[in-house]
Amino acid sequence: MSIPKKIFILLWRVWFYILMGIPIIVMFPILLLFSSREEWYRQFFVVARFWARIVLYGSGFMPIVRRDAHIDPKKSYMFIANHTSMTDIMLMLHCVHNPFVFVGKKELAKIPIFGFFYKRTCILVDRNSQRSRKEVFDRAQKRLQKGTSICIFPEGGVPDDESVVLDGFKDGAFRLAIDHQIPILPLVFFDNKKRFSYTFFSGSPGIMRARILNEVTTNGLTQDDKKALKEKMHRMLLEILEKDIDK
């Protein structure tokens, strides 16, 4: 890679992180107010979607969303997607209008500025703690009872090996969906790894494609069906991603 290109990517990535932080600082009083009570989470979600679009468009990304399914605004869902980039959070917020809460690893709460509100509004999980995993289910239940959806990246994190198309899925999203008998609505993100991976000197502005698939019902399923459901969803997303690679 040439030195001018490295300098461009360096400045562009720094600009991305500035874009993540400045709107949060500017809107801090509003975000603080709306994140202070669960009853006001819907208002917080609207502001969060606005923030996500500032980051995406301001960084030169152009989201293109294909919708196979209509998302019922009156229903709660378990949203899932493949996980390859920090931009997955912003693209998920851009794609989905239904208020949802992320379930994610507690390490993201350490990110300056962003982490403050992430900790206040998301359901954090310590995967090494049995108690933490139980608290996730209790908090998710409270959110679902208020009509809020849940979003989980079932790979559990971004694979260290960027050649991995789709890492194995964890149980959490499917256990929750079955427990609460809510449909799973999968999304596929095609370009996020290419656009903004965790390899620092990589990526570029450009198109970010997303596809919202048809929902998968969990009505009548029990925890005995969890493994088959997880494998079905993994196979579905993997086939779509591999077909796109082969184009």
Protein backbone atom coordinates (compact mmCIF):
# COMPACT_ATOMS: atom_id res chain seq x y z
CA MET A 1 0.00 0.00 0.00
CA SER A 2 1.35 3.43 -0.96
CA ILE A 3 2.11 6.06 1.67
CA PRO A 4 -0.50 8.56 0.34
CA LYS A 5 -3.17 5.85 0.56
CA LYS A 6 -2.12 4.99 4.12
CA ILE A 7 -2.36 8.66 5.08
CA PHE A 8 -5.83 8.90 3.52
CA ILE A 9 -7.08 5.82 5.37
CA LEU A 10 -5.56 7.07 8.63
CA LEU A 11 -7.27 10.47 8.35
CA TRP A 12 -10.52 8.89 7.18
CA ARG A 13 -10.63 6.46 10.12
CA VAL A 14 -9.86 9.24 12.58
CA TRP A 15 -12.73 11.20 11.01
CA PHE A 16 -15.04 8.19 11.54
CA TYR A 17 -14.30 8.15 15.27
CA ILE A 18 -14.73 11.92 15.48
CA LEU A 19 -18.14 11.52 13.82
CA MET A 20 -19.04 8.90 16.40
CA GLY A 21 -18.22 11.26 19.25
CA ILE A 22 -19.18 14.80 18.24
CA PRO A 23 -22.94 14.24 17.75
CA ILE A 24 -23.10 12.46 21.10
CA ILE A 25 -21.39 15.41 22.78
CA VAL A 26 -23.68 17.91 21.04
CA MET A 27 -26.83 15.94 21.91
CA PHE A 28 -25.59 14.91 25.34
CA PRO A 29 -28.39 16.60 27.39
CA ILE A 30 -31.11 15.04 25.20
CA LEU A 31 -29.49 11.61 25.24
CA LEU A 32 -28.97 11.80 28.98
CA LEU A 33 -32.63 12.67 29.53
CA PHE A 34 -34.04 9.98 27.23
CA SER A 35 -31.73 7.30 28.63
CA SER A 36 -32.64 8.06 32.23
CA ARG A 37 -35.92 6.10 32.14
CA GLU A 38 -36.93 2.97 30.24
CA GLU A 39 -40.27 4.61 29.41
CA TRP A 40 -38.41 7.14 27.27
CA TYR A 41 -36.33 4.60 25.38
CA ARG A 42 -38.35 5.02 22.18
CA GLN A 43 -37.34 8.68 22.05
CA PHE A 44 -33.73 7.69 22.69
CA PHE A 45 -33.95 5.19 19.84
CA VAL A 46 -35.10 7.88 17.39
CA VAL A 47 -32.07 10.00 18.31
CA ALA A 48 -29.79 6.95 18.06
CA ARG A 49 -31.00 6.27 14.49
CA PHE A 50 -30.26 9.90 13.60
CA TRP A 51 -26.76 9.52 15.09
CA ALA A 52 -26.17 6.31 13.10
CA ARG A 53 -27.02 8.04 9.83
CA ILE A 54 -24.70 10.94 10.63
CA VAL A 55 -21.85 8.45 11.12
CA LEU A 56 -22.65 6.36 8.03
CA TYR A 57 -23.26 9.15 5.52
CA GLY A 58 -20.64 11.42 7.06
CA SER A 59 -18.03 8.68 6.62
CA GLY A 60 -18.92 8.25 2.96
CA PHE A 61 -20.95 5.06 3.31
CA MET A 62 -24.08 4.69 1.17
CA PRO A 63 -26.53 2.20 2.69
CA ILE A 64 -28.72 0.27 0.26
CA VAL A 65 -31.37 -1.87 1.94
CA ARG A 66 -33.28 -4.66 0.21
CA ARG A 67 -36.43 -5.61 2.11
CA ASP A 68 -37.82 -9.11 1.55
CA ALA A 69 -40.18 -8.65 4.48
CA HIS A 70 -42.41 -6.03 6.00
CA ILE A 71 -41.53 -5.33 9.62
CA ASP A 72 -44.70 -5.00 11.66
CA PRO A 73 -44.29 -1.89 13.88
CA LYS A 74 -46.61 -3.45 16.48
CA LYS A 75 -44.59 -6.66 16.92
CA SER A 76 -41.49 -7.50 18.93
CA TYR A 77 -38.72 -9.33 17.10
CA MET A 78 -35.37 -10.92 17.69
CA PHE A 79 -33.18 -9.16 15.13
CA ILE A 80 -29.97 -10.97 14.18
CA ALA A 81 -27.23 -10.29 11.62
CA ASN A 82 -23.73 -11.33 10.70
CA HIS A 83 -21.04 -9.39 12.57
CA THR A 84 -17.90 -8.16 10.82
CA SER A 85 -17.42 -4.50 11.70
CA MET A 86 -18.09 -1.72 14.17
CA THR A 87 -20.36 -0.24 11.50
CA ASP A 88 -22.79 -3.16 11.99
CA ILE A 89 -24.31 -1.23 14.91
CA MET A 90 -24.95 1.85 12.79
CA LEU A 91 -26.28 -0.11 9.81
CA MET A 92 -28.67 -2.08 12.04
CA LEU A 93 -30.02 1.19 13.45
CA HIS A 94 -30.39 2.53 9.92
CA CYS A 95 -32.27 -0.54 8.65
CA VAL A 96 -34.75 -1.12 11.47
CA HIS A 97 -37.48 1.31 12.51
CA ASN A 98 -38.87 -0.78 15.39
CA PRO A 99 -37.24 0.26 18.67
CA PHE A 100 -34.85 -2.47 19.77
CA VAL A 101 -32.22 -2.97 22.44
CA PHE A 102 -28.80 -4.41 21.68
CA VAL A 103 -27.55 -7.33 23.74
CA GLY A 104 -23.77 -7.10 23.56
CA LYS A 105 -20.50 -7.74 25.29
CA LYS A 106 -19.65 -5.49 28.20
CA GLU A 107 -16.26 -4.56 26.71
CA LEU A 108 -17.93 -2.05 24.35
CA ALA A 109 -18.88 0.03 27.38
CA LYS A 110 -15.19 1.02 27.61
CA ILE A 111 -15.30 2.99 24.34
CA PRO A 112 -15.07 6.70 25.25
CA ILE A 113 -18.33 8.70 24.98
CA PHE A 114 -20.16 5.98 23.02
CA GLY A 115 -19.69 3.52 25.87
CA PHE A 116 -21.41 5.79 28.38
CA PHE A 117 -24.77 5.55 26.61
CA TYR A 118 -24.17 1.99 25.44
CA LYS A 119 -23.98 0.96 29.10
CA ARG A 120 -27.13 2.94 30.01
CA THR A 121 -29.36 1.65 27.22
CA CYS A 122 -28.12 -1.78 26.12
CA ILE A 123 -28.19 -5.15 27.85
CA LEU A 124 -24.59 -6.02 28.64
CA VAL A 125 -23.43 -9.58 29.06
CA ASP A 126 -20.29 -11.01 30.64
CA ARG A 127 -19.99 -14.35 28.86
CA ASN A 128 -17.82 -15.72 31.66
CA SER A 129 -20.48 -15.12 34.30
CA GLN A 130 -23.51 -17.39 34.78
CA ARG A 131 -25.16 -14.65 36.86
CA SER A 132 -24.69 -12.13 34.04
CA ARG A 133 -26.31 -14.47 31.53
CA LYS A 134 -29.36 -14.87 33.80
CA GLU A 135 -29.62 -11.09 34.23
CA VAL A 136 -29.70 -10.77 30.43
CA PHE A 137 -32.83 -12.92 30.27
CA ASP A 138 -34.51 -10.98 33.07
CA ARG A 139 -33.77 -7.60 31.47
CA ALA A 140 -34.76 -8.82 27.99
CA GLN A 141 -38.09 -10.00 29.37
CA LYS A 142 -38.81 -6.57 30.84
CA ARG A 143 -38.00 -4.89 27.52
CA LEU A 144 -40.13 -7.29 25.51
CA GLN A 145 -43.07 -6.77 27.85
CA LYS A 146 -42.90 -3.07 26.96
CA GLY A 147 -42.98 -3.83 23.24
CA THR A 148 -39.27 -3.31 22.58
CA SER A 149 -37.46 -5.73 20.28
CA ILE A 150 -34.05 -7.29 20.92
CA CYS A 151 -30.99 -7.34 18.66
CA ILE A 152 -28.14 -9.84 19.01
CA PHE A 153 -25.21 -10.60 16.74
CA PRO A 154 -25.24 -14.39 17.28
CA GLU A 155 -21.59 -14.92 16.36
CA GLY A 156 -20.84 -13.32 19.72
CA GLY A 157 -18.12 -11.08 18.29
CA VAL A 158 -16.13 -10.32 15.17
CA PRO A 159 -13.93 -13.27 14.11
CA ASP A 160 -10.19 -12.57 14.37
CA ASP A 161 -9.70 -14.32 11.03
CA GLU A 162 -11.21 -12.01 8.41
CA SER A 163 -11.38 -14.86 5.89
CA VAL A 164 -14.21 -16.41 7.93
CA VAL A 165 -17.46 -15.75 6.06
CA LEU A 166 -19.72 -16.50 9.04
CA ASP A 167 -18.56 -17.71 12.43
CA GLY A 168 -20.49 -20.22 14.51
CA PHE A 169 -23.60 -18.97 16.32
CA LYS A 170 -24.03 -18.81 20.08
CA ASP A 171 -27.25 -19.99 21.72
CA GLY A 172 -28.44 -16.74 23.34
CA ALA A 173 -30.54 -15.20 20.58
CA PHE A 174 -32.38 -18.44 19.89
CA ARG A 175 -32.93 -19.30 23.52
CA LEU A 176 -34.46 -15.87 24.11
CA ALA A 177 -36.61 -16.01 20.98
CA ILE A 178 -38.02 -19.40 21.96
CA ASP A 179 -38.51 -18.44 25.60
CA HIS A 180 -40.54 -15.39 24.61
CA GLN A 181 -42.09 -16.91 21.46
CA ILE A 182 -41.06 -13.95 19.31
CA PRO A 183 -40.14 -14.26 15.61
CA ILE A 184 -36.54 -14.05 14.47
CA LEU A 185 -35.92 -11.48 11.76
CA PRO A 186 -32.51 -11.98 10.14
CA LEU A 187 -30.52 -9.32 8.31
CA VAL A 188 -27.47 -9.85 6.10
CA PHE A 189 -24.72 -7.23 5.85
CA PHE A 190 -22.67 -7.77 2.69
CA ASP A 191 -20.06 -5.01 2.59
CA ASN A 192 -19.25 -3.91 6.14
CA LYS A 193 -16.08 -5.99 6.43
CA LYS A 194 -14.79 -4.58 3.14
CA ARG A 195 -15.76 -1.04 4.06
CA PHE A 196 -14.55 -0.88 7.69
CA SER A 197 -12.90 -3.97 9.14
CA TYR A 198 -10.83 -4.11 12.31
CA THR A 199 -7.64 -4.14 10.22
CA PHE A 200 -6.68 -0.51 10.65
CA PHE A 201 -5.16 0.31 7.26
CA SER A 202 -8.06 -1.05 5.24
CA GLY A 203 -11.50 -0.06 4.04
CA SER A 204 -12.97 2.75 2.00
CA PRO A 205 -16.12 4.83 1.57
CA GLY A 206 -18.73 3.28 -0.69
CA ILE A 207 -21.93 1.25 -0.87
CA MET A 208 -23.08 -0.77 2.16
CA ARG A 209 -25.68 -3.33 1.17
CA ALA A 210 -28.09 -4.89 3.64
CA ARG A 211 -30.90 -7.37 3.12
CA ILE A 212 -33.82 -7.89 5.50
CA LEU A 213 -35.01 -11.48 5.18
CA ASN A 214 -38.42 -12.95 5.97
CA GLU A 215 -39.15 -13.57 9.61
CA VAL A 216 -38.83 -17.07 11.08
CA THR A 217 -41.51 -17.98 13.59
CA THR A 218 -40.77 -19.62 16.94
CA ASN A 219 -44.41 -20.35 17.76
CA GLY A 220 -44.69 -23.72 19.48
CA LEU A 221 -40.94 -24.29 19.65
CA THR A 222 -39.26 -25.40 22.88
CA GLN A 223 -35.67 -25.36 24.03
CA ASP A 224 -35.34 -28.84 22.55
CA ASP A 225 -35.64 -27.14 19.14
CA LYS A 226 -32.96 -24.53 19.88
CA LYS A 227 -30.06 -26.32 18.20
CA ALA A 228 -32.00 -27.03 15.01
CA LEU A 229 -33.23 -23.43 14.87
CA LYS A 230 -29.71 -22.07 15.37
CA GLU A 231 -28.31 -24.31 12.64
CA LYS A 232 -31.14 -23.37 10.28
CA MET A 233 -30.47 -19.64 10.73
CA HIS A 234 -26.71 -20.07 10.35
CA ARG A 235 -27.18 -22.08 7.15
CA MET A 236 -29.59 -19.47 5.76
CA LEU A 237 -27.23 -16.52 6.28
CA LEU A 238 -24.15 -18.45 5.16
CA GLU A 239 -25.73 -19.51 1.85
CA ILE A 240 -26.69 -15.92 1.04
CA LEU A 241 -23.23 -14.59 1.89
CA GLU A 242 -21.46 -17.30 -0.11
CA LYS A 243 -23.67 -16.69 -3.16
CA ASP A 244 -22.77 -13.02 -3.01
CA ILE A 245 -19.05 -13.85 -2.89
CA ASP A 246 -19.42 -16.10 -5.94
CA LYS A 247 -21.02 -13.36 -8.07
